Amino acid sequence: MIEIVISILLLTGGSLSILGAIGLIRFPDVYGRLHAATKSATLGVISVIFGVFLYFLFIEGMFVGKLLLTIVFLFLTAPVAAFMIARSAYNVNVKMWDKSIQDDLAEATKKQKAKS
């Protein structure tokens, strides 16, 4: 039974990572590409690492705490890094896609500049 769970986690992680790679190629601007890279690829890598953790825990009989720490580290750092990259791209005026309808950050930056 545990082999099935491990297989599902590994296949889900691989599928999400492939979807993230396709999103990096297909999305038209930096912001969409960052979204594809962080959401699907991060969840994909976490699924694969959790599958490996379960394999070592139940099949090999050893507890590998470093894998759990890796999951926590990825879960905390990848979204923050993507946010910082997107924010810096916005601050240096990287253009959004021509068909983008909404720019929520424009009002926030205008208010912030007005306060300064």
PDB file of N, CA and C in Angstrom:
ATOM      1  N   MET A   1       0.814  -1.202   0.000  1.00  0.00           N
ATOM      2  CA  MET A   1       0.000   0.000   0.000  1.00  0.00           C
ATOM      3  C   MET A   1       0.859   1.268   0.000  1.00  0.00           C
ATOM      4  N   ILE A   2       1.935   1.250   0.790  1.00  0.00           N
ATOM      5  CA  ILE A   2       2.782   2.437   0.874  1.00  0.00           C
ATOM      6  C   ILE A   2       3.502   2.692  -0.449  1.00  0.00           C
ATOM      7  N   GLU A   3       3.778   1.609  -1.200  1.00  0.00           N
ATOM      8  CA  GLU A   3       4.413   1.786  -2.502  1.00  0.00           C
ATOM      9  C   GLU A   3       3.504   2.561  -3.456  1.00  0.00           C
ATOM     10  N   ILE A   4       2.202   2.343  -3.336  1.00  0.00           N
ATOM     11  CA  ILE A   4       1.248   3.064  -4.187  1.00  0.00           C
ATOM     12  C   ILE A   4       1.244   4.553  -3.831  1.00  0.00           C
ATOM     13  N   VAL A   5       1.259   4.853  -2.535  1.00  0.00           N
ATOM     14  CA  VAL A   5       1.282   6.253  -2.096  1.00  0.00           C
ATOM     15  C   VAL A   5       2.564   6.936  -2.565  1.00  0.00           C
ATOM     16  N   ILE A   6       3.683   6.241  -2.421  1.00  0.00           N
ATOM     17  CA  ILE A   6       4.966   6.799  -2.866  1.00  0.00           C
ATOM     18  C   ILE A   6       4.948   7.032  -4.375  1.00  0.00           C
ATOM     19  N   SER A   7       4.419   6.063  -5.111  1.00  0.00           N
ATOM     20  CA  SER A   7       4.349   6.208  -6.576  1.00  0.00           C
ATOM     21  C   SER A   7       3.468   7.380  -6.976  1.00  0.00           C
ATOM     22  N   ILE A   8       2.335   7.547  -6.289  1.00  0.00           N
ATOM     23  CA  ILE A   8       1.446   8.667  -6.591  1.00  0.00           C
ATOM     24  C   ILE A   8       2.136   9.999  -6.311  1.00  0.00           C
ATOM     25  N   LEU A   9       2.850  10.082  -5.189  1.00  0.00           N
ATOM     26  CA  LEU A   9       3.572  11.321  -4.869  1.00  0.00           C
ATOM     27  C   LEU A   9       4.648  11.625  -5.912  1.00  0.00           C
ATOM     28  N   LEU A  10       5.395  10.602  -6.317  1.00  0.00           N
ATOM     29  CA  LEU A  10       6.454  10.821  -7.298  1.00  0.00           C
ATOM     30  C   LEU A  10       5.881  11.210  -8.662  1.00  0.00           C
ATOM     31  N   LEU A  11       4.812  10.546  -9.076  1.00  0.00           N
ATOM     32  CA  LEU A  11       4.208  10.888 -10.363  1.00  0.00           C
ATOM     33  C   LEU A  11       3.559  12.271 -10.332  1.00  0.00           C
ATOM     34  N   THR A  12       2.912  12.597  -9.220  1.00  0.00           N
ATOM     35  CA  THR A  12       2.322  13.934  -9.087  1.00  0.00           C
ATOM     36  C   THR A  12       3.402  15.004  -9.101  1.00  0.00           C
ATOM     37  N   GLY A  13       4.481  14.769  -8.371  1.00  0.00           N
ATOM     38  CA  GLY A  13       5.580  15.731  -8.347  1.00  0.00           C
ATOM     39  C   GLY A  13       6.220  15.912  -9.709  1.00  0.00           C
ATOM     40  N   GLY A  14       6.432  14.814 -10.417  1.00  0.00           N
ATOM     41  CA  GLY A  14       6.992  14.907 -11.762  1.00  0.00           C
ATOM     42  C   GLY A  14       6.067  15.631 -12.719  1.00  0.00           C
ATOM     43  N   SER A  15       4.767  15.344 -12.614  1.00  0.00           N
ATOM     44  CA  SER A  15       3.791  16.009 -13.480  1.00  0.00           C
ATOM     45  C   SER A  15       3.728  17.506 -13.209  1.00  0.00           C
ATOM     46  N   LEU A  16       3.727  17.883 -11.935  1.00  0.00           N
ATOM     47  CA  LEU A  16       3.697  19.305 -11.598  1.00  0.00           C
ATOM     48  C   LEU A  16       4.967  20.018 -12.052  1.00  0.00           C
ATOM     49  N   SER A  17       6.092  19.351 -11.953  1.00  0.00           N
ATOM     50  CA  SER A  17       7.339  19.959 -12.418  1.00  0.00           C
ATOM     51  C   SER A  17       7.335  20.143 -13.930  1.00  0.00           C
ATOM     52  N   ILE A  18       6.791  19.170 -14.645  1.00  0.00           N
ATOM     53  CA  ILE A  18       6.682  19.303 -16.103  1.00  0.00           C
ATOM     54  C   ILE A  18       5.733  20.446 -16.463  1.00  0.00           C
ATOM     55  N   LEU A  19       4.606  20.557 -15.748  1.00  0.00           N
ATOM     56  CA  LEU A  19       3.685  21.661 -15.999  1.00  0.00           C
ATOM     57  C   LEU A  19       4.340  23.015 -15.728  1.00  0.00           C
ATOM     58  N   GLY A  20       5.162  23.085 -14.700  1.00  0.00           N
ATOM     59  CA  GLY A  20       5.892  24.318 -14.424  1.00  0.00           C
ATOM     60  C   GLY A  20       6.866  24.663 -15.534  1.00  0.00           C
ATOM     61  N   ALA A  21       7.540  23.654 -16.074  1.00  0.00           N
ATOM     62  CA  ALA A  21       8.465  23.892 -17.180  1.00  0.00           C
ATOM     63  C   ALA A  21       7.723  24.346 -18.434  1.00  0.00           C
ATOM     64  N   ILE A  22       6.566  23.754 -18.685  1.00  0.00           N
ATOM     65  CA  ILE A  22       5.764  24.177 -19.836  1.00  0.00           C
ATOM     66  C   ILE A  22       5.279  25.614 -19.631  1.00  0.00           C
ATOM     67  N   GLY A  23       4.891  25.946 -18.402  1.00  0.00           N
ATOM     68  CA  GLY A  23       4.463  27.307 -18.108  1.00  0.00           C
ATOM     69  C   GLY A  23       5.577  28.320 -18.310  1.00  0.00           C
ATOM     70  N   LEU A  24       6.812  27.932 -17.999  1.00  0.00           N
ATOM     71  CA  LEU A  24       7.942  28.834 -18.237  1.00  0.00           C
ATOM     72  C   LEU A  24       8.111  29.134 -19.718  1.00  0.00           C
ATOM     73  N   ILE A  25       7.800  28.171 -20.539  1.00  0.00           N
ATOM     74  CA  ILE A  25       7.939  28.371 -21.977  1.00  0.00           C
ATOM     75  C   ILE A  25       6.739  29.118 -22.558  1.00  0.00           C
ATOM     76  N   ARG A  26       5.540  28.799 -22.091  1.00  0.00           N
ATOM     77  CA  ARG A  26       4.320  29.281 -22.730  1.00  0.00           C
ATOM     78  C   ARG A  26       3.843  30.651 -22.266  1.00  0.00           C
ATOM     79  N   PHE A  27       4.067  31.012 -21.010  1.00  0.00           N
ATOM     80  CA  PHE A  27       3.533  32.283 -20.538  1.00  0.00           C
ATOM     81  C   PHE A  27       4.287  33.455 -21.156  1.00  0.00           C
ATOM     82  N   PRO A  28       3.581  34.570 -21.435  1.00  0.00           N
ATOM     83  CA  PRO A  28       4.171  35.637 -22.242  1.00  0.00           C
ATOM     84  C   PRO A  28       5.039  36.635 -21.487  1.00  0.00           C
ATOM     85  N   ASP A  29       4.885  36.763 -20.167  1.00  0.00           N
ATOM     86  CA  ASP A  29       5.670  37.787 -19.481  1.00  0.00           C
ATOM     87  C   ASP A  29       6.333  37.212 -18.227  1.00  0.00           C
ATOM     88  N   VAL A  30       7.152  38.038 -17.620  1.00  0.00           N
ATOM     89  CA  VAL A  30       7.937  37.625 -16.457  1.00  0.00           C
ATOM     90  C   VAL A  30       7.041  37.197 -15.306  1.00  0.00           C
ATOM     91  N   TYR A  31       5.959  37.890 -15.115  1.00  0.00           N
ATOM     92  CA  TYR A  31       5.093  37.647 -13.966  1.00  0.00           C
ATOM     93  C   TYR A  31       4.377  36.301 -14.070  1.00  0.00           C
ATOM     94  N   GLY A  32       3.910  35.975 -15.241  1.00  0.00           N
ATOM     95  CA  GLY A  32       3.285  34.675 -15.453  1.00  0.00           C
ATOM     96  C   GLY A  32       4.281  33.539 -15.341  1.00  0.00           C
ATOM     97  N   ARG A  33       5.472  33.769 -15.841  1.00  0.00           N
ATOM     98  CA  ARG A  33       6.514  32.745 -15.749  1.00  0.00           C
ATOM     99  C   ARG A  33       6.924  32.494 -14.306  1.00  0.00           C
ATOM    100  N   LEU A  34       7.005  33.555 -13.529  1.00  0.00           N
ATOM    101  CA  LEU A  34       7.314  33.376 -12.112  1.00  0.00           C
ATOM    102  C   LEU A  34       6.219  32.606 -11.400  1.00  0.00           C
ATOM    103  N   HIS A  35       4.979  32.872 -11.762  1.00  0.00           N
ATOM    104  CA  HIS A  35       3.864  32.143 -11.167  1.00  0.00           C
ATOM    105  C   HIS A  35       3.964  30.659 -11.488  1.00  0.00           C
ATOM    106  N   ALA A  36       4.256  30.339 -12.734  1.00  0.00           N
ATOM    107  CA  ALA A  36       4.381  28.938 -13.127  1.00  0.00           C
ATOM    108  C   ALA A  36       5.550  28.263 -12.414  1.00  0.00           C
ATOM    109  N   ALA A  37       6.647  28.993 -12.305  1.00  0.00           N
ATOM    110  CA  ALA A  37       7.828  28.409 -11.686  1.00  0.00           C
ATOM    111  C   ALA A  37       7.632  28.152 -10.200  1.00  0.00           C
ATOM    112  N   THR A  38       7.007  29.078  -9.507  1.00  0.00           N
ATOM    113  CA  THR A  38       6.915  28.901  -8.056  1.00  0.00           C
ATOM    114  C   THR A  38       5.792  27.981  -7.643  1.00  0.00           C
ATOM    115  N   LYS A  39       4.627  28.124  -8.224  1.00  0.00           N
ATOM    116  CA  LYS A  39       3.491  27.328  -7.751  1.00  0.00           C
ATOM    117  C   LYS A  39       3.663  25.855  -8.097  1.00  0.00           C
ATOM    118  N   SER A  40       3.737  25.551  -9.373  1.00  0.00           N
ATOM    119  CA  SER A  40       3.742  24.143  -9.756  1.00  0.00           C
ATOM    120  C   SER A  40       5.082  23.467  -9.507  1.00  0.00           C
ATOM    121  N   ALA A  41       6.161  24.149  -9.799  1.00  0.00           N
ATOM    122  CA  ALA A  41       7.462  23.526  -9.607  1.00  0.00           C
ATOM    123  C   ALA A  41       7.774  23.317  -8.127  1.00  0.00           C
ATOM    124  N   THR A  42       7.404  24.266  -7.281  1.00  0.00           N
ATOM    125  CA  THR A  42       7.647  24.107  -5.850  1.00  0.00           C
ATOM    126  C   THR A  42       6.832  22.952  -5.290  1.00  0.00           C
ATOM    127  N   LEU A  43       5.560  22.892  -5.639  1.00  0.00           N
ATOM    128  CA  LEU A  43       4.735  21.775  -5.171  1.00  0.00           C
ATOM    129  C   LEU A  43       5.221  20.453  -5.757  1.00  0.00           C
ATOM    130  N   GLY A  44       5.716  20.471  -6.978  1.00  0.00           N
ATOM    131  CA  GLY A  44       6.257  19.258  -7.581  1.00  0.00           C
ATOM    132  C   GLY A  44       7.484  18.752  -6.855  1.00  0.00           C
ATOM    133  N   VAL A  45       8.403  19.645  -6.566  1.00  0.00           N
ATOM    134  CA  VAL A  45       9.623  19.249  -5.863  1.00  0.00           C
ATOM    135  C   VAL A  45       9.287  18.774  -4.447  1.00  0.00           C
ATOM    136  N   ILE A  46       8.365  19.459  -3.781  1.00  0.00           N
ATOM    137  CA  ILE A  46       7.973  19.041  -2.434  1.00  0.00           C
ATOM    138  C   ILE A  46       7.325  17.660  -2.470  1.00  0.00           C
ATOM    139  N   SER A  47       6.510  17.380  -3.476  1.00  0.00           N
ATOM    140  CA  SER A  47       5.886  16.057  -3.589  1.00  0.00           C
ATOM    141  C   SER A  47       6.930  14.970  -3.801  1.00  0.00           C
ATOM    142  N   VAL A  48       7.894  15.239  -4.653  1.00  0.00           N
ATOM    143  CA  VAL A  48       8.951  14.256  -4.901  1.00  0.00           C
ATOM    144  C   VAL A  48       9.767  14.017  -3.628  1.00  0.00           C
ATOM    145  N   ILE A  49      10.145  15.076  -2.947  1.00  0.00           N
ATOM    146  CA  ILE A  49      10.944  14.919  -1.730  1.00  0.00           C
ATOM    147  C   ILE A  49      10.150  14.190  -0.647  1.00  0.00           C
ATOM    148  N   PHE A  50       8.859  14.484  -0.533  1.00  0.00           N
ATOM    149  CA  PHE A  50       8.041  13.782   0.451  1.00  0.00           C
ATOM    150  C   PHE A  50       7.901  12.305   0.091  1.00  0.00           C
ATOM    151  N   GLY A  51       7.796  11.985  -1.195  1.00  0.00           N
ATOM    152  CA  GLY A  51       7.778  10.584  -1.625  1.00  0.00           C
ATOM    153  C   GLY A  51       9.075   9.873  -1.286  1.00  0.00           C
ATOM    154  N   VAL A  52      10.192  10.548  -1.484  1.00  0.00           N
ATOM    155  CA  VAL A  52      11.493   9.975  -1.131  1.00  0.00           C
ATOM    156  C   VAL A  52      11.595   9.784   0.384  1.00  0.00           C
ATOM    157  N   PHE A  53      11.086  10.750   1.147  1.00  0.00           N
ATOM    158  CA  PHE A  53      11.077  10.628   2.601  1.00  0.00           C
ATOM    159  C   PHE A  53      10.280   9.395   3.038  1.00  0.00           C
ATOM    160  N   LEU A  54       9.089   9.219   2.458  1.00  0.00           N
ATOM    161  CA  LEU A  54       8.277   8.044   2.814  1.00  0.00           C
ATOM    162  C   LEU A  54       8.961   6.747   2.400  1.00  0.00           C
ATOM    163  N   TYR A  55       9.644   6.764   1.268  1.00  0.00           N
ATOM    164  CA  TYR A  55      10.374   5.572   0.844  1.00  0.00           C
ATOM    165  C   TYR A  55      11.425   5.187   1.871  1.00  0.00           C
ATOM    166  N   PHE A  56      12.224   6.148   2.272  1.00  0.00           N
ATOM    167  CA  PHE A  56      13.274   5.829   3.239  1.00  0.00           C
ATOM    168  C   PHE A  56      12.695   5.474   4.609  1.00  0.00           C
ATOM    169  N   LEU A  57      11.585   6.073   4.960  1.00  0.00           N
ATOM    170  CA  LEU A  57      10.984   5.805   6.262  1.00  0.00           C
ATOM    171  C   LEU A  57      10.379   4.412   6.334  1.00  0.00           C
ATOM    172  N   PHE A  58       9.588   4.033   5.344  1.00  0.00           N
ATOM    173  CA  PHE A  58       8.851   2.771   5.419  1.00  0.00           C
ATOM    174  C   PHE A  58       9.531   1.608   4.708  1.00  0.00           C
ATOM    175  N   ILE A  59      10.227   1.849   3.617  1.00  0.00           N
ATOM    176  CA  ILE A  59      10.853   0.757   2.864  1.00  0.00           C
ATOM    177  C   ILE A  59      12.249   0.463   3.404  1.00  0.00           C
ATOM    178  N   GLU A  60      13.061   1.502   3.563  1.00  0.00           N
ATOM    179  CA  GLU A  60      14.427   1.301   4.032  1.00  0.00           C
ATOM    180  C   GLU A  60      14.529   1.273   5.551  1.00  0.00           C
ATOM    181  N   GLY A  61      13.544   1.823   6.227  1.00  0.00           N
ATOM    182  CA  GLY A  61      13.538   1.780   7.684  1.00  0.00           C
ATOM    183  C   GLY A  61      14.408   2.812   8.362  1.00  0.00           C
ATOM    184  N   MET A  62      14.692   3.922   7.703  1.00  0.00           N
ATOM    185  CA  MET A  62      15.490   4.965   8.354  1.00  0.00           C
ATOM    186  C   MET A  62      14.783   6.307   8.241  1.00  0.00           C
ATOM    187  N   PHE A  63      14.945   7.107   9.267  1.00  0.00           N
ATOM    188  CA  PHE A  63      14.339   8.439   9.315  1.00  0.00           C
ATOM    189  C   PHE A  63      15.354   9.446   8.808  1.00  0.00           C
ATOM    190  N   VAL A  64      14.977  10.187   7.788  1.00  0.00           N
ATOM    191  CA  VAL A  64      15.870  11.192   7.201  1.00  0.00           C
ATOM    192  C   VAL A  64      15.247  12.561   7.446  1.00  0.00           C
ATOM    193  N   GLY A  65      15.666  13.187   8.536  1.00  0.00           N
ATOM    194  CA  GLY A  65      15.118  14.495   8.895  1.00  0.00           C
ATOM    195  C   GLY A  65      15.533  15.601   7.946  1.00  0.00           C
ATOM    196  N   LYS A  66      16.641  15.407   7.249  1.00  0.00           N
ATOM    197  CA  LYS A  66      17.101  16.429   6.308  1.00  0.00           C
ATOM    198  C   LYS A  66      16.097  16.633   5.178  1.00  0.00           C
ATOM    199  N   LEU A  67      15.404  15.577   4.804  1.00  0.00           N
ATOM    200  CA  LEU A  67      14.400  15.714   3.756  1.00  0.00           C
ATOM    201  C   LEU A  67      13.232  16.573   4.229  1.00  0.00           C
ATOM    202  N   LEU A  68      12.819  16.408   5.464  1.00  0.00           N
ATOM    203  CA  LEU A  68      11.745  17.249   6.000  1.00  0.00           C
ATOM    204  C   LEU A  68      12.195  18.698   6.110  1.00  0.00           C
ATOM    205  N   LEU A  69      13.429  18.909   6.507  1.00  0.00           N
ATOM    206  CA  LEU A  69      13.960  20.270   6.558  1.00  0.00           C
ATOM    207  C   LEU A  69      14.045  20.885   5.164  1.00  0.00           C
ATOM    208  N   THR A  70      14.351  20.079   4.172  1.00  0.00           N
ATOM    209  CA  THR A  70      14.392  20.560   2.797  1.00  0.00           C
ATOM    210  C   THR A  70      13.004  20.986   2.340  1.00  0.00           C
ATOM    211  N   ILE A  71      11.984  20.215   2.701  1.00  0.00           N
ATOM    212  CA  ILE A  71      10.614  20.578   2.343  1.00  0.00           C
ATOM    213  C   ILE A  71      10.232  21.910   2.985  1.00  0.00           C
ATOM    214  N   VAL A  72      10.532  22.072   4.263  1.00  0.00           N
ATOM    215  CA  VAL A  72      10.209  23.316   4.963  1.00  0.00           C
ATOM    216  C   VAL A  72      10.968  24.485   4.342  1.00  0.00           C
ATOM    217  N   PHE A  73      12.242  24.279   4.043  1.00  0.00           N
ATOM    218  CA  PHE A  73      13.054  25.333   3.441  1.00  0.00           C
ATOM    219  C   PHE A  73      12.495  25.760   2.090  1.00  0.00           C
ATOM    220  N   LEU A  74      12.147  24.798   1.242  1.00  0.00           N
ATOM    221  CA  LEU A  74      11.574  25.130  -0.066  1.00  0.00           C
ATOM    222  C   LEU A  74      10.227  25.823   0.070  1.00  0.00           C
ATOM    223  N   PHE A  75       9.410  25.327   0.987  1.00  0.00           N
ATOM    224  CA  PHE A  75       8.076  25.899   1.173  1.00  0.00           C
ATOM    225  C   PHE A  75       8.150  27.348   1.636  1.00  0.00           C
ATOM    226  N   LEU A  76       9.181  27.697   2.402  1.00  0.00           N
ATOM    227  CA  LEU A  76       9.306  29.062   2.916  1.00  0.00           C
ATOM    228  C   LEU A  76      10.047  29.994   1.962  1.00  0.00           C
ATOM    229  N   THR A  77      11.051  29.498   1.271  1.00  0.00           N
ATOM    230  CA  THR A  77      11.905  30.401   0.506  1.00  0.00           C
ATOM    231  C   THR A  77      11.469  30.619  -0.943  1.00  0.00           C
ATOM    232  N   ALA A  78      10.922  29.627  -1.600  1.00  0.00           N
ATOM    233  CA  ALA A  78      10.583  29.777  -3.019  1.00  0.00           C
ATOM    234  C   ALA A  78       9.521  30.848  -3.262  1.00  0.00           C
ATOM    235  N   PRO A  79       8.408  30.884  -2.526  1.00  0.00           N
ATOM    236  CA  PRO A  79       7.442  31.959  -2.772  1.00  0.00           C
ATOM    237  C   PRO A  79       7.974  33.346  -2.439  1.00  0.00           C
ATOM    238  N   VAL A  80       8.782  33.441  -1.395  1.00  0.00           N
ATOM    239  CA  VAL A  80       9.352  34.737  -1.029  1.00  0.00           C
ATOM    240  C   VAL A  80      10.323  35.217  -2.102  1.00  0.00           C
ATOM    241  N   ALA A  81      11.130  34.301  -2.609  1.00  0.00           N
ATOM    242  CA  ALA A  81      12.068  34.669  -3.674  1.00  0.00           C
ATOM    243  C   ALA A  81      11.326  35.105  -4.936  1.00  0.00           C
ATOM    244  N   ALA A  82      10.270  34.410  -5.288  1.00  0.00           N
ATOM    245  CA  ALA A  82       9.492  34.789  -6.474  1.00  0.00           C
ATOM    246  C   ALA A  82       8.834  36.149  -6.278  1.00  0.00           C
ATOM    247  N   PHE A  83       8.333  36.395  -5.080  1.00  0.00           N
ATOM    248  CA  PHE A  83       7.729  37.700  -4.801  1.00  0.00           C
ATOM    249  C   PHE A  83       8.764  38.810  -4.937  1.00  0.00           C
ATOM    250  N   MET A  84       9.942  38.603  -4.410  1.00  0.00           N
ATOM    251  CA  MET A  84      10.983  39.626  -4.486  1.00  0.00           C
ATOM    252  C   MET A  84      11.438  39.854  -5.932  1.00  0.00           C
ATOM    253  N   ILE A  85      11.537  38.792  -6.719  1.00  0.00           N
ATOM    254  CA  ILE A  85      11.912  38.945  -8.122  1.00  0.00           C
ATOM    255  C   ILE A  85      10.832  39.703  -8.881  1.00  0.00           C
ATOM    256  N   ALA A  86       9.576  39.352  -8.642  1.00  0.00           N
ATOM    257  CA  ALA A  86       8.470  40.039  -9.325  1.00  0.00           C
ATOM    258  C   ALA A  86       8.404  41.501  -8.914  1.00  0.00           C
ATOM    259  N   ARG A  87       8.594  41.770  -7.652  1.00  0.00           N
ATOM    260  CA  ARG A  87       8.541  43.157  -7.175  1.00  0.00           C
ATOM    261  C   ARG A  87       9.680  43.987  -7.756  1.00  0.00           C
ATOM    262  N   SER A  88      10.873  43.413  -7.824  1.00  0.00           N
ATOM    263  CA  SER A  88      11.984  44.158  -8.411  1.00  0.00           C
ATOM    264  C   SER A  88      11.801  44.329  -9.916  1.00  0.00           C
ATOM    265  N   ALA A  89      11.226  43.330 -10.588  1.00  0.00           N
ATOM    266  CA  ALA A  89      10.936  43.489 -12.022  1.00  0.00           C
ATOM    267  C   ALA A  89       9.917  44.595 -12.231  1.00  0.00           C
ATOM    268  N   TYR A  90       8.943  44.688 -11.360  1.00  0.00           N
ATOM    269  CA  TYR A  90       7.934  45.745 -11.477  1.00  0.00           C
ATOM    270  C   TYR A  90       8.560  47.113 -11.215  1.00  0.00           C
ATOM    271  N   ASN A  91       9.466  47.183 -10.253  1.00  0.00           N
ATOM    272  CA  ASN A  91      10.098  48.457  -9.909  1.00  0.00           C
ATOM    273  C   ASN A  91      11.032  48.973 -10.994  1.00  0.00           C
ATOM    274  N   VAL A  92      11.597  48.091 -11.797  1.00  0.00           N
ATOM    275  CA  VAL A  92      12.452  48.542 -12.902  1.00  0.00           C
ATOM    276  C   VAL A  92      11.668  48.626 -14.206  1.00  0.00           C
ATOM    277  N   ASN A  93      10.334  48.609 -14.091  1.00  0.00           N
ATOM    278  CA  ASN A  93       9.420  48.818 -15.211  1.00  0.00           C
ATOM    279  C   ASN A  93       9.495  47.756 -16.301  1.00  0.00           C
ATOM    280  N   VAL A  94       9.574  46.500 -15.894  1.00  0.00           N
ATOM    281  CA  VAL A  94       9.455  45.418 -16.862  1.00  0.00           C
ATOM    282  C   VAL A  94       7.999  45.387 -17.316  1.00  0.00           C
ATOM    283  N   LYS A  95       7.788  45.416 -18.608  1.00  0.00           N
ATOM    284  CA  LYS A  95       6.443  45.515 -19.164  1.00  0.00           C
ATOM    285  C   LYS A  95       5.632  44.256 -18.898  1.00  0.00           C
ATOM    286  N   MET A  96       4.355  44.485 -18.597  1.00  0.00           N
ATOM    287  CA  MET A  96       3.420  43.373 -18.497  1.00  0.00           C
ATOM    288  C   MET A  96       2.976  42.997 -19.903  1.00  0.00           C
ATOM    289  N   TRP A  97       2.316  41.871 -20.019  1.00  0.00           N
ATOM    290  CA  TRP A  97       1.795  41.410 -21.293  1.00  0.00           C
ATOM    291  C   TRP A  97       0.800  42.428 -21.823  1.00  0.00           C
ATOM    292  N   ASP A  98       0.765  42.626 -23.120  1.00  0.00           N
ATOM    293  CA  ASP A  98      -0.117  43.630 -23.730  1.00  0.00           C
ATOM    294  C   ASP A  98      -1.591  43.396 -23.409  1.00  0.00           C
ATOM    295  N   LYS A  99      -2.001  42.163 -23.264  1.00  0.00           N
ATOM    296  CA  LYS A  99      -3.395  41.839 -23.011  1.00  0.00           C
ATOM    297  C   LYS A  99      -3.733  41.759 -21.522  1.00  0.00           C
ATOM    298  N   SER A 100      -2.816  42.166 -20.660  1.00  0.00           N
ATOM    299  CA  SER A 100      -3.108  42.204 -19.221  1.00  0.00           C
ATOM    300  C   SER A 100      -4.131  43.295 -18.958  1.00  0.00           C
ATOM    301  N   ILE A 101      -5.113  42.983 -18.140  1.00  0.00           N
ATOM    302  CA  ILE A 101      -6.216  43.904 -17.898  1.00  0.00           C
ATOM    303  C   ILE A 101      -6.020  44.698 -16.611  1.00  0.00           C
ATOM    304  N   GLN A 102      -5.481  44.084 -15.605  1.00  0.00           N
ATOM    305  CA  GLN A 102      -5.489  44.671 -14.276  1.00  0.00           C
ATOM    306  C   GLN A 102      -4.066  44.783 -13.731  1.00  0.00           C
ATOM    307  N   ASP A 103      -3.783  45.913 -13.107  1.00  0.00           N
ATOM    308  CA  ASP A 103      -2.487  46.146 -12.467  1.00  0.00           C
ATOM    309  C   ASP A 103      -2.755  46.616 -11.040  1.00  0.00           C
ATOM    310  N   ASP A 104      -2.834  45.673 -10.128  1.00  0.00           N
ATOM    311  CA  ASP A 104      -3.159  45.994  -8.742  1.00  0.00           C
ATOM    312  C   ASP A 104      -2.031  46.726  -8.017  1.00  0.00           C
ATOM    313  N   LEU A 105      -0.820  46.530  -8.450  1.00  0.00           N
ATOM    314  CA  LEU A 105       0.309  47.125  -7.749  1.00  0.00           C
ATOM    315  C   LEU A 105       0.503  48.593  -8.096  1.00  0.00           C
ATOM    316  N   ALA A 106      -0.080  49.059  -9.180  1.00  0.00           N
ATOM    317  CA  ALA A 106       0.098  50.454  -9.594  1.00  0.00           C
ATOM    318  C   ALA A 106      -0.461  51.420  -8.548  1.00  0.00           C
ATOM    319  N   GLU A 107      -1.640  51.134  -8.033  1.00  0.00           N
ATOM    320  CA  GLU A 107      -2.234  52.012  -7.015  1.00  0.00           C
ATOM    321  C   GLU A 107      -1.428  51.991  -5.726  1.00  0.00           C
ATOM    322  N   ALA A 108      -0.952  50.826  -5.346  1.00  0.00           N
ATOM    323  CA  ALA A 108      -0.174  50.726  -4.114  1.00  0.00           C
ATOM    324  C   ALA A 108       1.133  51.500  -4.220  1.00  0.00           C
ATOM    325  N   THR A 109       1.787  51.441  -5.374  1.00  0.00           N
ATOM    326  CA  THR A 109       3.034  52.192  -5.527  1.00  0.00           C
ATOM    327  C   THR A 109       2.790  53.692  -5.611  1.00  0.00           C
ATOM    328  N   LYS A 110       1.642  54.097  -6.190  1.00  0.00           N
ATOM    329  CA  LYS A 110       1.314  55.525  -6.209  1.00  0.00           C
ATOM    330  C   LYS A 110       1.084  56.051  -4.809  1.00  0.00           C
ATOM    331  N   LYS A 111       0.386  55.276  -3.976  1.00  0.00           N
ATOM    332  CA  LYS A 111       0.154  55.679  -2.592  1.00  0.00           C
ATOM    333  C   LYS A 111       1.463  55.728  -1.811  1.00  0.00           C
ATOM    334  N   GLN A 112       2.327  54.765  -2.073  1.00  0.00           N
ATOM    335  CA  GLN A 112       3.603  54.730  -1.361  1.00  0.00           C
ATOM    336  C   GLN A 112       4.480  55.915  -1.776  1.00  0.00           C
ATOM    337  N   LYS A 113       4.478  56.271  -3.049  1.00  0.00           N
ATOM    338  CA  LYS A 113       5.271  57.402  -3.511  1.00  0.00           C
ATOM    339  C   LYS A 113       4.701  58.723  -2.999  1.00  0.00           C
ATOM    340  N   ALA A 114       3.377  58.773  -2.844  1.00  0.00           N
ATOM    341  CA  ALA A 114       2.749  59.997  -2.320  1.00  0.00           C
ATOM    342  C   ALA A 114       3.111  60.222  -0.854  1.00  0.00           C
ATOM    343  N   LYS A 115       3.267  59.142  -0.098  1.00  0.00           N
ATOM    344  CA  LYS A 115       3.645  59.256   1.317  1.00  0.00           C
ATOM    345  C   LYS A 115       5.098  59.668   1.490  1.00  0.00           C
ATOM    346  N   SER A 116       5.947  59.325   0.517  1.00  0.00           N
ATOM    347  CA  SER A 116       7.385  59.622   0.650  1.00  0.00           C
ATOM    348  C   SER A 116       7.707  61.068   0.450  1.00  0.00           C
TER     349      SER A 116
END
